[in-house]
């Protein structure tokens, strides 16, 4: 089920049209001005890397290269590796913070994980 994009010859706005199959008839009409003078344009596309590929390209958390920590998907890799190296189970709160950071949410303060811990 492809999505085709067209640019209006009158107002120059781009419109997207979802069709059920490649062979389905399509008579595009501009969603902004209603013109039928539409020219098909090449659509952009996205390529998403797997987390494994991101980790492979980023390198070893013990020897992070330049810009390693600029990628939010790498947040917590060092912590995860250290827990694994020490044979310790990572607290669920820490894992939740790491996952939230990878999803783009800023984690709460680490001091909230340790009751009674004061800021330095």
PDB file of N, CA and C in Angstrom:
ATOM      1  N   UNK A   1       0.842  -1.173   0.000  1.00  0.00           N
ATOM      2  CA  UNK A   1       0.000   0.000   0.000  1.00  0.00           C
ATOM      3  C   UNK A   1       0.892   1.243   0.000  1.00  0.00           C
ATOM      4  N   UNK A   2       1.165   1.761  -1.175  1.00  0.00           N
ATOM      5  CA  UNK A   2       2.086   2.888  -1.278  1.00  0.00           C
ATOM      6  C   UNK A   2       1.447   4.243  -0.945  1.00  0.00           C
ATOM      7  N   UNK A   3       2.317   5.174  -0.625  1.00  0.00           N
ATOM      8  CA  UNK A   3       1.939   6.574  -0.429  1.00  0.00           C
ATOM      9  C   UNK A   3       2.682   7.363  -1.504  1.00  0.00           C
ATOM     10  N   UNK A   4       1.930   8.108  -2.308  1.00  0.00           N
ATOM     11  CA  UNK A   4       2.517   8.918  -3.367  1.00  0.00           C
ATOM     12  C   UNK A   4       2.419  10.389  -2.973  1.00  0.00           C
ATOM     13  N   UNK A   5       3.443  11.141  -3.363  1.00  0.00           N
ATOM     14  CA  UNK A   5       3.447  12.572  -3.078  1.00  0.00           C
ATOM     15  C   UNK A   5       3.405  13.352  -4.385  1.00  0.00           C
ATOM     16  N   UNK A   6       2.617  14.415  -4.360  1.00  0.00           N
ATOM     17  CA  UNK A   6       2.453  15.294  -5.514  1.00  0.00           C
ATOM     18  C   UNK A   6       2.613  16.745  -5.071  1.00  0.00           C
ATOM     19  N   UNK A   7       3.134  17.576  -5.990  1.00  0.00           N
ATOM     20  CA  UNK A   7       3.240  19.020  -5.746  1.00  0.00           C
ATOM     21  C   UNK A   7       2.242  19.716  -6.657  1.00  0.00           C
ATOM     22  N   UNK A   8       1.504  20.643  -6.080  1.00  0.00           N
ATOM     23  CA  UNK A   8       0.494  21.386  -6.817  1.00  0.00           C
ATOM     24  C   UNK A   8       1.166  22.422  -7.728  1.00  0.00           C
ATOM     25  N   UNK A   9       0.770  22.451  -8.987  1.00  0.00           N
ATOM     26  CA  UNK A   9       1.324  23.422  -9.940  1.00  0.00           C
ATOM     27  C   UNK A   9       0.834  24.836  -9.638  1.00  0.00           C
ATOM     28  N   UNK A  10      -0.309  24.972  -8.961  1.00  0.00           N
ATOM     29  CA  UNK A  10      -0.873  26.296  -8.663  1.00  0.00           C
ATOM     30  C   UNK A  10      -0.276  26.909  -7.405  1.00  0.00           C
ATOM     31  N   UNK A  11      -0.334  26.171  -6.281  1.00  0.00           N
ATOM     32  CA  UNK A  11       0.107  26.763  -5.003  1.00  0.00           C
ATOM     33  C   UNK A  11       1.451  26.212  -4.508  1.00  0.00           C
ATOM     34  N   UNK A  12       2.010  25.236  -5.205  1.00  0.00           N
ATOM     35  CA  UNK A  12       3.316  24.644  -4.888  1.00  0.00           C
ATOM     36  C   UNK A  12       3.361  23.849  -3.574  1.00  0.00           C
ATOM     37  N   UNK A  13       2.199  23.548  -3.016  1.00  0.00           N
ATOM     38  CA  UNK A  13       2.169  22.745  -1.784  1.00  0.00           C
ATOM     39  C   UNK A  13       2.227  21.270  -2.141  1.00  0.00           C
ATOM     40  N   UNK A  14       2.826  20.507  -1.225  1.00  0.00           N
ATOM     41  CA  UNK A  14       2.953  19.074  -1.441  1.00  0.00           C
ATOM     42  C   UNK A  14       1.838  18.348  -0.702  1.00  0.00           C
ATOM     43  N   UNK A  15       1.270  17.325  -1.335  1.00  0.00           N
ATOM     44  CA  UNK A  15       0.210  16.512  -0.741  1.00  0.00           C
ATOM     45  C   UNK A  15       0.587  15.043  -0.881  1.00  0.00           C
ATOM     46  N   UNK A  16       0.196  14.238   0.112  1.00  0.00           N
ATOM     47  CA  UNK A  16       0.446  12.800   0.092  1.00  0.00           C
ATOM     48  C   UNK A  16      -0.862  12.066  -0.118  1.00  0.00           C
ATOM     49  N   UNK A  17      -0.790  10.982  -0.912  1.00  0.00           N
ATOM     50  CA  UNK A  17      -1.985  10.198  -1.220  1.00  0.00           C
ATOM     51  C   UNK A  17      -1.698   8.726  -0.971  1.00  0.00           C
ATOM     52  N   UNK A  18      -2.507   8.112  -0.140  1.00  0.00           N
ATOM     53  CA  UNK A  18      -2.399   6.695   0.193  1.00  0.00           C
ATOM     54  C   UNK A  18      -3.282   5.916  -0.773  1.00  0.00           C
ATOM     55  N   UNK A  19      -2.705   4.909  -1.408  1.00  0.00           N
ATOM     56  CA  UNK A  19      -3.487   4.076  -2.333  1.00  0.00           C
ATOM     57  C   UNK A  19      -3.397   2.613  -1.897  1.00  0.00           C
ATOM     58  N   UNK A  20      -4.444   1.856  -2.215  1.00  0.00           N
ATOM     59  CA  UNK A  20      -4.507   0.467  -1.762  1.00  0.00           C
ATOM     60  C   UNK A  20      -3.560  -0.456  -2.513  1.00  0.00           C
ATOM     61  N   UNK A  21      -3.237  -0.131  -3.762  1.00  0.00           N
ATOM     62  CA  UNK A  21      -2.283  -0.939  -4.516  1.00  0.00           C
ATOM     63  C   UNK A  21      -1.611  -0.063  -5.563  1.00  0.00           C
ATOM     64  N   UNK A  22      -0.533  -0.570  -6.120  1.00  0.00           N
ATOM     65  CA  UNK A  22       0.211   0.183  -7.127  1.00  0.00           C
ATOM     66  C   UNK A  22      -0.644   0.440  -8.365  1.00  0.00           C
ATOM     67  N   UNK A  23      -1.525  -0.499  -8.684  1.00  0.00           N
ATOM     68  CA  UNK A  23      -2.353  -0.380  -9.892  1.00  0.00           C
ATOM     69  C   UNK A  23      -3.655   0.395  -9.682  1.00  0.00           C
ATOM     70  N   UNK A  24      -3.932   0.824  -8.456  1.00  0.00           N
ATOM     71  CA  UNK A  24      -5.182   1.554  -8.184  1.00  0.00           C
ATOM     72  C   UNK A  24      -5.168   2.902  -8.894  1.00  0.00           C
ATOM     73  N   UNK A  25      -6.274   3.292  -9.499  1.00  0.00           N
ATOM     74  CA  UNK A  25      -6.338   4.598 -10.176  1.00  0.00           C
ATOM     75  C   UNK A  25      -6.247   5.729  -9.144  1.00  0.00           C
ATOM     76  N   UNK A  26      -5.564   6.798  -9.543  1.00  0.00           N
ATOM     77  CA  UNK A  26      -5.388   7.933  -8.632  1.00  0.00           C
ATOM     78  C   UNK A  26      -5.553   9.220  -9.424  1.00  0.00           C
ATOM     79  N   UNK A  27      -6.441  10.072  -8.969  1.00  0.00           N
ATOM     80  CA  UNK A  27      -6.641  11.396  -9.557  1.00  0.00           C
ATOM     81  C   UNK A  27      -6.397  12.411  -8.449  1.00  0.00           C
ATOM     82  N   UNK A  28      -5.131  12.778  -8.220  1.00  0.00           N
ATOM     83  CA  UNK A  28      -4.807  13.639  -7.087  1.00  0.00           C
ATOM     84  C   UNK A  28      -5.392  15.047  -7.217  1.00  0.00           C
ATOM     85  N   UNK A  29      -5.881  15.535  -6.102  1.00  0.00           N
ATOM     86  CA  UNK A  29      -6.415  16.893  -5.999  1.00  0.00           C
ATOM     87  C   UNK A  29      -5.691  17.559  -4.836  1.00  0.00           C
ATOM     88  N   UNK A  30      -5.216  18.787  -5.051  1.00  0.00           N
ATOM     89  CA  UNK A  30      -4.481  19.512  -4.015  1.00  0.00           C
ATOM     90  C   UNK A  30      -5.350  19.686  -2.767  1.00  0.00           C
ATOM     91  N   UNK A  31      -4.791  19.298  -1.629  1.00  0.00           N
ATOM     92  CA  UNK A  31      -5.534  19.413  -0.372  1.00  0.00           C
ATOM     93  C   UNK A  31      -5.608  20.857   0.122  1.00  0.00           C
ATOM     94  N   UNK A  32      -4.792  21.749  -0.461  1.00  0.00           N
ATOM     95  CA  UNK A  32      -4.806  23.151  -0.034  1.00  0.00           C
ATOM     96  C   UNK A  32      -5.734  24.021  -0.883  1.00  0.00           C
ATOM     97  N   UNK A  33      -5.570  23.938  -2.229  1.00  0.00           N
ATOM     98  CA  UNK A  33      -6.334  24.843  -3.087  1.00  0.00           C
ATOM     99  C   UNK A  33      -7.353  24.139  -3.982  1.00  0.00           C
ATOM    100  N   UNK A  34      -7.326  22.794  -4.010  1.00  0.00           N
ATOM    101  CA  UNK A  34      -8.294  22.051  -4.800  1.00  0.00           C
ATOM    102  C   UNK A  34      -7.936  21.891  -6.268  1.00  0.00           C
ATOM    103  N   UNK A  35      -6.760  22.350  -6.663  1.00  0.00           N
ATOM    104  CA  UNK A  35      -6.335  22.230  -8.064  1.00  0.00           C
ATOM    105  C   UNK A  35      -6.092  20.769  -8.425  1.00  0.00           C
ATOM    106  N   UNK A  36      -6.323  20.460  -9.705  1.00  0.00           N
ATOM    107  CA  UNK A  36      -6.053  19.108 -10.205  1.00  0.00           C
ATOM    108  C   UNK A  36      -4.736  19.065 -10.987  1.00  0.00           C
ATOM    109  N   UNK A  37      -4.043  20.193 -11.066  1.00  0.00           N
ATOM    110  CA  UNK A  37      -2.746  20.244 -11.749  1.00  0.00           C
ATOM    111  C   UNK A  37      -1.664  19.833 -10.754  1.00  0.00           C
ATOM    112  N   UNK A  38      -1.448  18.529 -10.680  1.00  0.00           N
ATOM    113  CA  UNK A  38      -0.512  17.972  -9.706  1.00  0.00           C
ATOM    114  C   UNK A  38       0.624  17.258 -10.428  1.00  0.00           C
ATOM    115  N   UNK A  39       1.835  17.442  -9.928  1.00  0.00           N
ATOM    116  CA  UNK A  39       3.023  16.795 -10.480  1.00  0.00           C
ATOM    117  C   UNK A  39       3.603  15.855  -9.428  1.00  0.00           C
ATOM    118  N   UNK A  40       3.823  14.619  -9.820  1.00  0.00           N
ATOM    119  CA  UNK A  40       4.354  13.648  -8.873  1.00  0.00           C
ATOM    120  C   UNK A  40       5.805  13.974  -8.545  1.00  0.00           C
ATOM    121  N   UNK A  41       6.162  13.856  -7.253  1.00  0.00           N
ATOM    122  CA  UNK A  41       7.527  14.112  -6.790  1.00  0.00           C
ATOM    123  C   UNK A  41       8.068  12.855  -6.118  1.00  0.00           C
ATOM    124  N   UNK A  42       9.385  12.769  -6.022  1.00  0.00           N
ATOM    125  CA  UNK A  42      10.005  11.649  -5.327  1.00  0.00           C
ATOM    126  C   UNK A  42       9.802  11.826  -3.825  1.00  0.00           C
ATOM    127  N   UNK A  43       9.389  10.778  -3.182  1.00  0.00           N
ATOM    128  CA  UNK A  43       9.186  10.807  -1.738  1.00  0.00           C
ATOM    129  C   UNK A  43      10.498  10.530  -1.022  1.00  0.00           C
ATOM    130  N   UNK A  44      10.654  11.134   0.132  1.00  0.00           N
ATOM    131  CA  UNK A  44      11.830  10.838   0.948  1.00  0.00           C
ATOM    132  C   UNK A  44      11.554   9.539   1.708  1.00  0.00           C
ATOM    133  N   UNK A  45      12.575   8.944   2.240  1.00  0.00           N
ATOM    134  CA  UNK A  45      12.387   7.730   3.012  1.00  0.00           C
ATOM    135  C   UNK A  45      13.326   7.777   4.212  1.00  0.00           C
ATOM    136  N   UNK A  46      13.066   6.935   5.178  1.00  0.00           N
ATOM    137  CA  UNK A  46      13.881   6.886   6.385  1.00  0.00           C
ATOM    138  C   UNK A  46      14.517   5.514   6.511  1.00  0.00           C
ATOM    139  N   UNK A  47      15.715   5.501   7.045  1.00  0.00           N
ATOM    140  CA  UNK A  47      16.416   4.262   7.316  1.00  0.00           C
ATOM    141  C   UNK A  47      16.756   4.265   8.795  1.00  0.00           C
ATOM    142  N   UNK A  48      16.303   3.269   9.516  1.00  0.00           N
ATOM    143  CA  UNK A  48      16.549   3.190  10.951  1.00  0.00           C
ATOM    144  C   UNK A  48      17.498   2.039  11.239  1.00  0.00           C
ATOM    145  N   UNK A  49      18.527   2.324  12.000  1.00  0.00           N
ATOM    146  CA  UNK A  49      19.483   1.299  12.370  1.00  0.00           C
ATOM    147  C   UNK A  49      18.969   0.525  13.582  1.00  0.00           C
ATOM    148  N   UNK A  50      19.359  -0.731  13.652  1.00  0.00           N
ATOM    149  CA  UNK A  50      19.008  -1.527  14.826  1.00  0.00           C
ATOM    150  C   UNK A  50      19.899  -1.093  15.983  1.00  0.00           C
ATOM    151  N   UNK A  51      19.460  -1.385  17.205  1.00  0.00           N
ATOM    152  CA  UNK A  51      20.261  -1.045  18.381  1.00  0.00           C
ATOM    153  C   UNK A  51      21.598  -1.775  18.328  1.00  0.00           C
ATOM    154  N   UNK A  52      21.607  -2.999  17.830  1.00  0.00           N
ATOM    155  CA  UNK A  52      22.857  -3.752  17.713  1.00  0.00           C
ATOM    156  C   UNK A  52      23.832  -3.042  16.770  1.00  0.00           C
ATOM    157  N   UNK A  53      23.323  -2.510  15.658  1.00  0.00           N
ATOM    158  CA  UNK A  53      24.174  -1.788  14.708  1.00  0.00           C
ATOM    159  C   UNK A  53      24.707  -0.499  15.327  1.00  0.00           C
ATOM    160  N   UNK A  54      23.858   0.214  16.068  1.00  0.00           N
ATOM    161  CA  UNK A  54      24.290   1.444  16.741  1.00  0.00           C
ATOM    162  C   UNK A  54      25.404   1.128  17.720  1.00  0.00           C
ATOM    163  N   UNK A  55      25.245   0.056  18.507  1.00  0.00           N
ATOM    164  CA  UNK A  55      26.271  -0.325  19.477  1.00  0.00           C
ATOM    165  C   UNK A  55      27.566  -0.714  18.770  1.00  0.00           C
ATOM    166  N   UNK A  56      27.448  -1.458  17.690  1.00  0.00           N
ATOM    167  CA  UNK A  56      28.627  -1.879  16.937  1.00  0.00           C
ATOM    168  C   UNK A  56      29.376  -0.672  16.385  1.00  0.00           C
ATOM    169  N   UNK A  57      28.655   0.279  15.819  1.00  0.00           N
ATOM    170  CA  UNK A  57      29.287   1.470  15.229  1.00  0.00           C
ATOM    171  C   UNK A  57      29.844   2.412  16.286  1.00  0.00           C
ATOM    172  N   UNK A  58      29.241   2.415  17.481  1.00  0.00           N
ATOM    173  CA  UNK A  58      29.681   3.320  18.546  1.00  0.00           C
ATOM    174  C   UNK A  58      30.956   2.849  19.220  1.00  0.00           C
ATOM    175  N   UNK A  59      31.173   1.545  19.223  1.00  0.00           N
ATOM    176  CA  UNK A  59      32.380   1.012  19.840  1.00  0.00           C
ATOM    177  C   UNK A  59      32.138   0.522  21.252  1.00  0.00           C
ATOM    178  N   UNK A  60      33.228   0.196  21.910  1.00  0.00           N
ATOM    179  CA  UNK A  60      33.223  -0.391  23.253  1.00  0.00           C
ATOM    180  C   UNK A  60      32.937   0.686  24.306  1.00  0.00           C
ATOM    181  N   UNK A  61      31.980   0.425  25.240  1.00  0.00           N
ATOM    182  CA  UNK A  61      31.710   1.411  26.284  1.00  0.00           C
ATOM    183  C   UNK A  61      32.899   1.660  27.211  1.00  0.00           C
ATOM    184  N   UNK A  62      33.846   0.699  27.291  1.00  0.00           N
ATOM    185  CA  UNK A  62      35.040   0.904  28.121  1.00  0.00           C
ATOM    186  C   UNK A  62      36.024   1.876  27.482  1.00  0.00           C
ATOM    187  N   UNK A  63      35.918   2.045  26.161  1.00  0.00           N
ATOM    188  CA  UNK A  63      36.822   2.936  25.425  1.00  0.00           C
ATOM    189  C   UNK A  63      36.005   3.804  24.484  1.00  0.00           C
ATOM    190  N   UNK A  64      35.112   4.636  25.030  1.00  0.00           N
ATOM    191  CA  UNK A  64      34.248   5.435  24.146  1.00  0.00           C
ATOM    192  C   UNK A  64      35.056   6.431  23.324  1.00  0.00           C
ATOM    193  N   UNK A  65      34.701   6.501  22.047  1.00  0.00           N
ATOM    194  CA  UNK A  65      35.374   7.427  21.156  1.00  0.00           C
ATOM    195  C   UNK A  65      34.727   8.808  21.212  1.00  0.00           C
ATOM    196  N   UNK A  66      35.250   9.703  20.410  1.00  0.00           N
ATOM    197  CA  UNK A  66      34.737  11.072  20.353  1.00  0.00           C
ATOM    198  C   UNK A  66      33.270  11.063  19.922  1.00  0.00           C
ATOM    199  N   UNK A  67      32.435  11.745  20.643  1.00  0.00           N
ATOM    200  CA  UNK A  67      31.024  11.839  20.316  1.00  0.00           C
ATOM    201  C   UNK A  67      30.188  10.669  20.792  1.00  0.00           C
ATOM    202  N   UNK A  68      30.809   9.710  21.486  1.00  0.00           N
ATOM    203  CA  UNK A  68      30.091   8.513  21.941  1.00  0.00           C
ATOM    204  C   UNK A  68      28.863   8.879  22.767  1.00  0.00           C
ATOM    205  N   UNK A  69      29.020   9.792  23.690  1.00  0.00           N
ATOM    206  CA  UNK A  69      27.914  10.148  24.577  1.00  0.00           C
ATOM    207  C   UNK A  69      26.972  11.188  23.982  1.00  0.00           C
ATOM    208  N   UNK A  70      27.241  11.649  22.753  1.00  0.00           N
ATOM    209  CA  UNK A  70      26.320  12.566  22.085  1.00  0.00           C
ATOM    210  C   UNK A  70      25.091  11.843  21.558  1.00  0.00           C
ATOM    211  N   UNK A  71      25.178  10.538  21.406  1.00  0.00           N
ATOM    212  CA  UNK A  71      24.063   9.740  20.913  1.00  0.00           C
ATOM    213  C   UNK A  71      23.264   9.231  22.112  1.00  0.00           C
ATOM    214  N   UNK A  72      22.016   9.677  22.281  1.00  0.00           N
ATOM    215  CA  UNK A  72      21.247   9.276  23.464  1.00  0.00           C
ATOM    216  C   UNK A  72      21.000   7.773  23.552  1.00  0.00           C
ATOM    217  N   UNK A  73      21.140   7.056  22.429  1.00  0.00           N
ATOM    218  CA  UNK A  73      20.954   5.607  22.481  1.00  0.00           C
ATOM    219  C   UNK A  73      22.089   4.932  23.232  1.00  0.00           C
ATOM    220  N   UNK A  74      23.218   5.635  23.420  1.00  0.00           N
ATOM    221  CA  UNK A  74      24.344   5.059  24.155  1.00  0.00           C
ATOM    222  C   UNK A  74      24.263   5.316  25.654  1.00  0.00           C
ATOM    223  N   UNK A  75      23.307   6.131  26.086  1.00  0.00           N
ATOM    224  CA  UNK A  75      23.205   6.429  27.518  1.00  0.00           C
ATOM    225  C   UNK A  75      22.956   5.141  28.275  1.00  0.00           C
ATOM    226  N   UNK A  76      23.741   4.918  29.254  1.00  0.00           N
ATOM    227  CA  UNK A  76      23.561   3.745  30.096  1.00  0.00           C
ATOM    228  C   UNK A  76      24.351   2.531  29.663  1.00  0.00           C
ATOM    229  N   UNK A  77      24.962   2.538  28.482  1.00  0.00           N
ATOM    230  CA  UNK A  77      25.713   1.354  28.042  1.00  0.00           C
ATOM    231  C   UNK A  77      26.852   1.034  28.996  1.00  0.00           C
ATOM    232  N   UNK A  78      27.556   2.065  29.444  1.00  0.00           N
ATOM    233  CA  UNK A  78      28.675   1.856  30.359  1.00  0.00           C
ATOM    234  C   UNK A  78      28.163   1.262  31.662  1.00  0.00           C
ATOM    235  N   UNK A  79      27.046   1.801  32.177  1.00  0.00           N
ATOM    236  CA  UNK A  79      26.464   1.295  33.417  1.00  0.00           C
ATOM    237  C   UNK A  79      26.027  -0.159  33.260  1.00  0.00           C
ATOM    238  N   UNK A  80      25.338  -0.450  32.156  1.00  0.00           N
ATOM    239  CA  UNK A  80      24.907  -1.826  31.903  1.00  0.00           C
ATOM    240  C   UNK A  80      26.102  -2.775  31.850  1.00  0.00           C
ATOM    241  N   UNK A  81      27.175  -2.349  31.181  1.00  0.00           N
ATOM    242  CA  UNK A  81      28.358  -3.194  31.055  1.00  0.00           C
ATOM    243  C   UNK A  81      29.014  -3.416  32.405  1.00  0.00           C
ATOM    244  N   UNK A  82      29.107  -2.390  33.235  1.00  0.00           N
ATOM    245  CA  UNK A  82      29.745  -2.528  34.548  1.00  0.00           C
ATOM    246  C   UNK A  82      28.944  -3.471  35.445  1.00  0.00           C
ATOM    247  N   UNK A  83      27.625  -3.365  35.438  1.00  0.00           N
ATOM    248  CA  UNK A  83      26.811  -4.302  36.223  1.00  0.00           C
ATOM    249  C   UNK A  83      27.056  -5.728  35.737  1.00  0.00           C
ATOM    250  N   UNK A  84      27.124  -5.903  34.422  1.00  0.00           N
ATOM    251  CA  UNK A  84      27.350  -7.228  33.851  1.00  0.00           C
ATOM    252  C   UNK A  84      28.744  -7.741  34.237  1.00  0.00           C
ATOM    253  N   UNK A  85      29.769  -6.892  34.116  1.00  0.00           N
ATOM    254  CA  UNK A  85      31.137  -7.287  34.461  1.00  0.00           C
ATOM    255  C   UNK A  85      31.257  -7.701  35.924  1.00  0.00           C
ATOM    256  N   UNK A  86      30.499  -7.024  36.795  1.00  0.00           N
ATOM    257  CA  UNK A  86      30.561  -7.318  38.225  1.00  0.00           C
ATOM    258  C   UNK A  86      29.635  -8.467  38.627  1.00  0.00           C
ATOM    259  N   UNK A  87      28.864  -8.971  37.651  1.00  0.00           N
ATOM    260  CA  UNK A  87      27.956 -10.073  37.940  1.00  0.00           C
ATOM    261  C   UNK A  87      26.792  -9.664  38.819  1.00  0.00           C
ATOM    262  N   UNK A  88      26.430  -8.403  38.767  1.00  0.00           N
ATOM    263  CA  UNK A  88      25.346  -7.881  39.602  1.00  0.00           C
ATOM    264  C   UNK A  88      24.107  -7.647  38.749  1.00  0.00           C
ATOM    265  N   UNK A  89      22.957  -7.783  39.383  1.00  0.00           N
ATOM    266  CA  UNK A  89      21.712  -7.477  38.698  1.00  0.00           C
ATOM    267  C   UNK A  89      21.444  -5.979  38.821  1.00  0.00           C
ATOM    268  N   UNK A  90      21.126  -5.371  37.704  1.00  0.00           N
ATOM    269  CA  UNK A  90      20.858  -3.938  37.701  1.00  0.00           C
ATOM    270  C   UNK A  90      19.482  -3.672  38.304  1.00  0.00           C
ATOM    271  N   UNK A  91      19.386  -2.706  39.243  1.00  0.00           N
ATOM    272  CA  UNK A  91      18.071  -2.361  39.798  1.00  0.00           C
ATOM    273  C   UNK A  91      17.105  -1.926  38.694  1.00  0.00           C
ATOM    274  N   UNK A  92      15.856  -2.299  38.830  1.00  0.00           N
ATOM    275  CA  UNK A  92      14.872  -1.982  37.796  1.00  0.00           C
ATOM    276  C   UNK A  92      14.718  -0.480  37.606  1.00  0.00           C
ATOM    277  N   UNK A  93      14.894   0.299  38.675  1.00  0.00           N
ATOM    278  CA  UNK A  93      14.775   1.756  38.541  1.00  0.00           C
ATOM    279  C   UNK A  93      15.861   2.311  37.623  1.00  0.00           C
ATOM    280  N   UNK A  94      17.068   1.751  37.727  1.00  0.00           N
ATOM    281  CA  UNK A  94      18.169   2.210  36.873  1.00  0.00           C
ATOM    282  C   UNK A  94      17.882   1.829  35.422  1.00  0.00           C
ATOM    283  N   UNK A  95      17.431   0.580  35.213  1.00  0.00           N
ATOM    284  CA  UNK A  95      17.108   0.144  33.855  1.00  0.00           C
ATOM    285  C   UNK A  95      15.992   1.000  33.259  1.00  0.00           C
ATOM    286  N   UNK A  96      14.985   1.357  34.076  1.00  0.00           N
ATOM    287  CA  UNK A  96      13.897   2.220  33.605  1.00  0.00           C
ATOM    288  C   UNK A  96      14.419   3.594  33.187  1.00  0.00           C
ATOM    289  N   UNK A  97      15.374   4.143  33.962  1.00  0.00           N
ATOM    290  CA  UNK A  97      15.952   5.438  33.619  1.00  0.00           C
ATOM    291  C   UNK A  97      16.717   5.362  32.296  1.00  0.00           C
ATOM    292  N   UNK A  98      17.471   4.289  32.112  1.00  0.00           N
ATOM    293  CA  UNK A  98      18.240   4.118  30.881  1.00  0.00           C
ATOM    294  C   UNK A  98      17.303   4.015  29.685  1.00  0.00           C
ATOM    295  N   UNK A  99      16.256   3.205  29.807  1.00  0.00           N
ATOM    296  CA  UNK A  99      15.296   3.052  28.708  1.00  0.00           C
ATOM    297  C   UNK A  99      14.588   4.372  28.407  1.00  0.00           C
ATOM    298  N   UNK A 100      14.223   5.119  29.453  1.00  0.00           N
ATOM    299  CA  UNK A 100      13.563   6.412  29.253  1.00  0.00           C
ATOM    300  C   UNK A 100      14.494   7.380  28.519  1.00  0.00           C
ATOM    301  N   UNK A 101      15.772   7.374  28.885  1.00  0.00           N
ATOM    302  CA  UNK A 101      16.740   8.254  28.225  1.00  0.00           C
ATOM    303  C   UNK A 101      16.901   7.874  26.758  1.00  0.00           C
ATOM    304  N   UNK A 102      16.905   6.581  26.470  1.00  0.00           N
ATOM    305  CA  UNK A 102      17.019   6.129  25.081  1.00  0.00           C
ATOM    306  C   UNK A 102      15.795   6.521  24.262  1.00  0.00           C
ATOM    307  N   UNK A 103      14.658   6.653  24.954  1.00  0.00           N
ATOM    308  CA  UNK A 103      13.426   7.073  24.270  1.00  0.00           C
ATOM    309  C   UNK A 103      13.298   8.585  24.196  1.00  0.00           C
ATOM    310  N   UNK A 104      14.288   9.312  24.762  1.00  0.00           N
ATOM    311  CA  UNK A 104      14.295  10.764  24.664  1.00  0.00           C
ATOM    312  C   UNK A 104      13.826  11.503  25.895  1.00  0.00           C
ATOM    313  N   UNK A 105      13.440  10.786  26.968  1.00  0.00           N
ATOM    314  CA  UNK A 105      12.998  11.438  28.201  1.00  0.00           C
ATOM    315  C   UNK A 105      14.195  11.638  29.118  1.00  0.00           C
ATOM    316  N   UNK A 106      14.274  12.807  29.701  1.00  0.00           N
ATOM    317  CA  UNK A 106      15.350  13.060  30.651  1.00  0.00           C
ATOM    318  C   UNK A 106      15.055  12.311  31.942  1.00  0.00           C
ATOM    319  N   UNK A 107      16.019  11.514  32.446  1.00  0.00           N
ATOM    320  CA  UNK A 107      15.783  10.754  33.668  1.00  0.00           C
ATOM    321  C   UNK A 107      15.727  11.655  34.894  1.00  0.00           C
ATOM    322  N   UNK A 108      14.992  11.179  35.906  1.00  0.00           N
ATOM    323  CA  UNK A 108      14.944  11.892  37.184  1.00  0.00           C
ATOM    324  C   UNK A 108      16.329  11.822  37.820  1.00  0.00           C
ATOM    325  N   UNK A 109      16.525  12.600  38.844  1.00  0.00           N
ATOM    326  CA  UNK A 109      17.813  12.631  39.522  1.00  0.00           C
ATOM    327  C   UNK A 109      18.168  11.255  40.091  1.00  0.00           C
ATOM    328  N   UNK A 110      19.427  10.892  39.988  1.00  0.00           N
ATOM    329  CA  UNK A 110      19.889   9.605  40.510  1.00  0.00           C
ATOM    330  C   UNK A 110      19.727   9.553  42.020  1.00  0.00           C
ATOM    331  N   UNK A 111      19.773  10.698  42.689  1.00  0.00           N
ATOM    332  CA  UNK A 111      19.635  10.694  44.147  1.00  0.00           C
ATOM    333  C   UNK A 111      18.290  10.152  44.592  1.00  0.00           C
ATOM    334  N   UNK A 112      17.271  10.198  43.730  1.00  0.00           N
ATOM    335  CA  UNK A 112      15.964   9.654  44.071  1.00  0.00           C
ATOM    336  C   UNK A 112      15.977   8.134  44.220  1.00  0.00           C
ATOM    337  N   UNK A 113      17.016   7.484  43.664  1.00  0.00           N
ATOM    338  CA  UNK A 113      17.124   6.026  43.792  1.00  0.00           C
ATOM    339  C   UNK A 113      17.689   5.616  45.146  1.00  0.00           C
ATOM    340  N   UNK A 114      18.359   6.545  45.816  1.00  0.00           N
ATOM    341  CA  UNK A 114      18.997   6.270  47.108  1.00  0.00           C
ATOM    342  C   UNK A 114      18.373   7.160  48.182  1.00  0.00           C
ATOM    343  N   UNK A 115      17.394   6.675  48.938  1.00  0.00           N
ATOM    344  CA  UNK A 115      16.795   7.515  49.977  1.00  0.00           C
ATOM    345  C   UNK A 115      17.862   8.005  50.963  1.00  0.00           C
ATOM    346  N   UNK A 116      17.791   9.264  51.284  1.00  0.00           N
ATOM    347  CA  UNK A 116      18.733   9.846  52.243  1.00  0.00           C
ATOM    348  C   UNK A 116      20.019  10.371  51.616  1.00  0.00           C
ATOM    349  N   UNK A 117      20.225  10.115  50.344  1.00  0.00           N
ATOM    350  CA  UNK A 117      21.425  10.595  49.673  1.00  0.00           C
ATOM    351  C   UNK A 117      21.274  12.098  49.437  1.00  0.00           C
ATOM    352  N   UNK A 118      22.296  12.859  49.802  1.00  0.00           N
ATOM    353  CA  UNK A 118      22.224  14.317  49.614  1.00  0.00           C
ATOM    354  C   UNK A 118      23.089  14.706  48.422  1.00  0.00           C
ATOM    355  N   UNK A 119      22.749  15.836  47.821  1.00  0.00           N
ATOM    356  CA  UNK A 119      23.520  16.327  46.688  1.00  0.00           C
ATOM    357  C   UNK A 119      24.867  16.815  47.143  1.00  0.00           C
ATOM    358  N   UNK A 120      25.857  16.679  46.293  1.00  0.00           N
ATOM    359  CA  UNK A 120      27.213  17.118  46.599  1.00  0.00           C
ATOM    360  C   UNK A 120      27.391  18.512  46.075  1.00  0.00           C
TER     361      UNK A 120
END
